[in-house]
Amino acid sequence: MVIPSLQLPEVVRNHLEMAGWQPGQILLSIDTDVSLEGRPAREWLVVTGDSLSVVAEVEGVSGVRQVPWDAVCQVRASAGVGGGTLQVKSGGDWVDLRFGNTFS
């Protein structure tokens, strides 16, 4: 199932488009209210057939972290009290993509 890009906030779509994303490719999008640093911040995990991207929902600040699927060799998630992390292994290193347990 492909999720319409219209469900993403406009600022998130704009950041993704500046990073080379093409509308209509979204397979999954989910937001959180905690940044990787543990600060209150709205971020979106956007999964397409080509990549995983995390985008900060902040006007004027491009905060796109993107990992192409062909560079991913493993995926793992860890959960804790009040938070958790989604990580991908790329180029021999684990890359943190997402943090938080509160989803809307």
Protein backbone atom coordinates (compact mmCIF):
# COMPACT_ATOMS: atom_id res chain seq x y z
CA MET A 1 0.00 0.00 0.00
CA VAL A 2 1.37 3.42 -0.95
CA ILE A 3 0.56 6.30 1.39
CA PRO A 4 -0.32 9.55 -0.40
CA SER A 5 2.28 12.28 0.09
CA LEU A 6 -0.54 14.64 1.02
CA GLN A 7 -0.60 13.06 4.49
CA LEU A 8 2.84 14.52 5.19
CA PRO A 9 3.08 18.12 6.41
CA GLU A 10 4.07 20.52 3.64
CA VAL A 11 7.40 21.41 5.30
CA VAL A 12 8.32 17.69 5.42
CA ARG A 13 7.40 17.21 1.73
CA ASN A 14 9.51 20.28 0.85
CA HIS A 15 12.57 18.93 2.71
CA LEU A 16 12.19 15.55 1.00
CA GLU A 17 11.83 17.11 -2.45
CA MET A 18 15.00 19.16 -1.87
CA ALA A 19 16.76 15.85 -1.05
CA GLY A 20 15.64 14.35 -4.38
CA TRP A 21 12.49 12.50 -3.28
CA GLN A 22 9.73 12.03 -5.84
CA PRO A 23 6.07 12.36 -4.72
CA GLY A 24 4.06 9.15 -4.72
CA GLN A 25 6.86 6.79 -3.63
CA ILE A 26 5.96 6.56 0.08
CA LEU A 27 5.41 3.07 1.48
CA LEU A 28 5.28 4.14 5.14
CA SER A 29 5.40 7.40 7.06
CA ILE A 30 5.22 7.80 10.82
CA ASP A 31 5.99 10.69 13.13
CA THR A 32 7.42 11.04 16.62
CA ASP A 33 7.66 13.94 19.05
CA VAL A 34 11.20 13.19 20.29
CA SER A 35 14.45 13.79 18.40
CA LEU A 36 17.40 11.38 18.43
CA GLU A 37 18.96 13.69 21.02
CA GLY A 38 15.93 13.16 23.29
CA ARG A 39 14.60 16.71 22.85
CA PRO A 40 10.97 17.51 22.03
CA ALA A 41 10.82 17.74 18.22
CA ARG A 42 8.45 16.45 15.55
CA GLU A 43 10.32 14.14 13.16
CA TRP A 44 9.02 11.85 10.42
CA LEU A 45 10.31 8.46 9.30
CA VAL A 46 9.51 8.15 5.59
CA VAL A 47 10.12 4.81 3.88
CA THR A 48 10.17 4.47 0.09
CA GLY A 49 11.24 1.66 -2.20
CA ASP A 50 14.62 3.43 -2.53
CA SER A 51 15.47 4.70 0.95
CA LEU A 52 14.68 5.36 4.59
CA SER A 53 14.56 9.04 5.50
CA VAL A 54 14.09 10.91 8.76
CA VAL A 55 12.91 14.47 8.34
CA ALA A 56 12.63 17.18 10.98
CA GLU A 57 9.33 19.06 10.79
CA VAL A 58 11.03 22.45 11.08
CA GLU A 59 10.50 25.32 8.66
CA GLY A 60 13.68 26.68 7.09
CA VAL A 61 15.97 24.01 8.56
CA SER A 62 16.70 21.02 6.37
CA GLY A 63 17.07 18.05 8.65
CA VAL A 64 16.95 15.07 6.29
CA ARG A 65 18.86 11.93 7.27
CA GLN A 66 18.64 9.45 4.42
CA VAL A 67 19.99 5.93 3.89
CA PRO A 68 19.48 4.16 0.55
CA TRP A 69 18.11 0.61 0.86
CA ASP A 70 20.93 -0.79 -1.26
CA ALA A 71 23.38 0.40 1.44
CA VAL A 72 21.46 -1.32 4.28
CA CYS A 73 22.63 -4.77 5.34
CA GLN A 74 20.72 -5.06 8.66
CA VAL A 75 17.89 -3.33 10.52
CA ARG A 76 17.23 -3.45 14.25
CA ALA A 77 15.01 -1.75 16.79
CA SER A 78 15.58 -1.39 20.50
CA ALA A 79 12.90 -0.41 22.98
CA GLY A 80 13.24 1.10 26.40
CA VAL A 81 11.10 2.86 28.94
CA GLY A 82 9.92 6.09 27.33
CA GLY A 83 11.80 5.62 24.09
CA GLY A 84 13.42 3.40 21.54
CA THR A 85 15.67 3.52 18.50
CA LEU A 86 15.46 2.28 14.92
CA GLN A 87 18.90 1.59 13.47
CA VAL A 88 20.24 0.39 10.13
CA LYS A 89 23.66 -1.07 9.45
CA SER A 90 25.27 0.63 6.49
CA GLY A 91 28.92 0.44 5.47
CA GLY A 92 29.79 -1.53 8.61
CA ASP A 93 28.37 1.12 10.98
CA TRP A 94 25.04 1.33 12.80
CA VAL A 95 23.11 4.50 11.92
CA ASP A 96 20.45 5.76 14.32
CA LEU A 97 17.35 6.84 12.42
CA ARG A 98 14.53 7.18 14.85
CA PHE A 99 13.82 7.63 18.54
CA GLY A 100 10.60 7.74 20.51
CA ASN A 101 7.65 5.70 21.65
CA THR A 102 4.90 8.28 21.10
CA PHE A 103 3.32 7.98 17.68
CA SER A 104 0.33 9.75 16.18
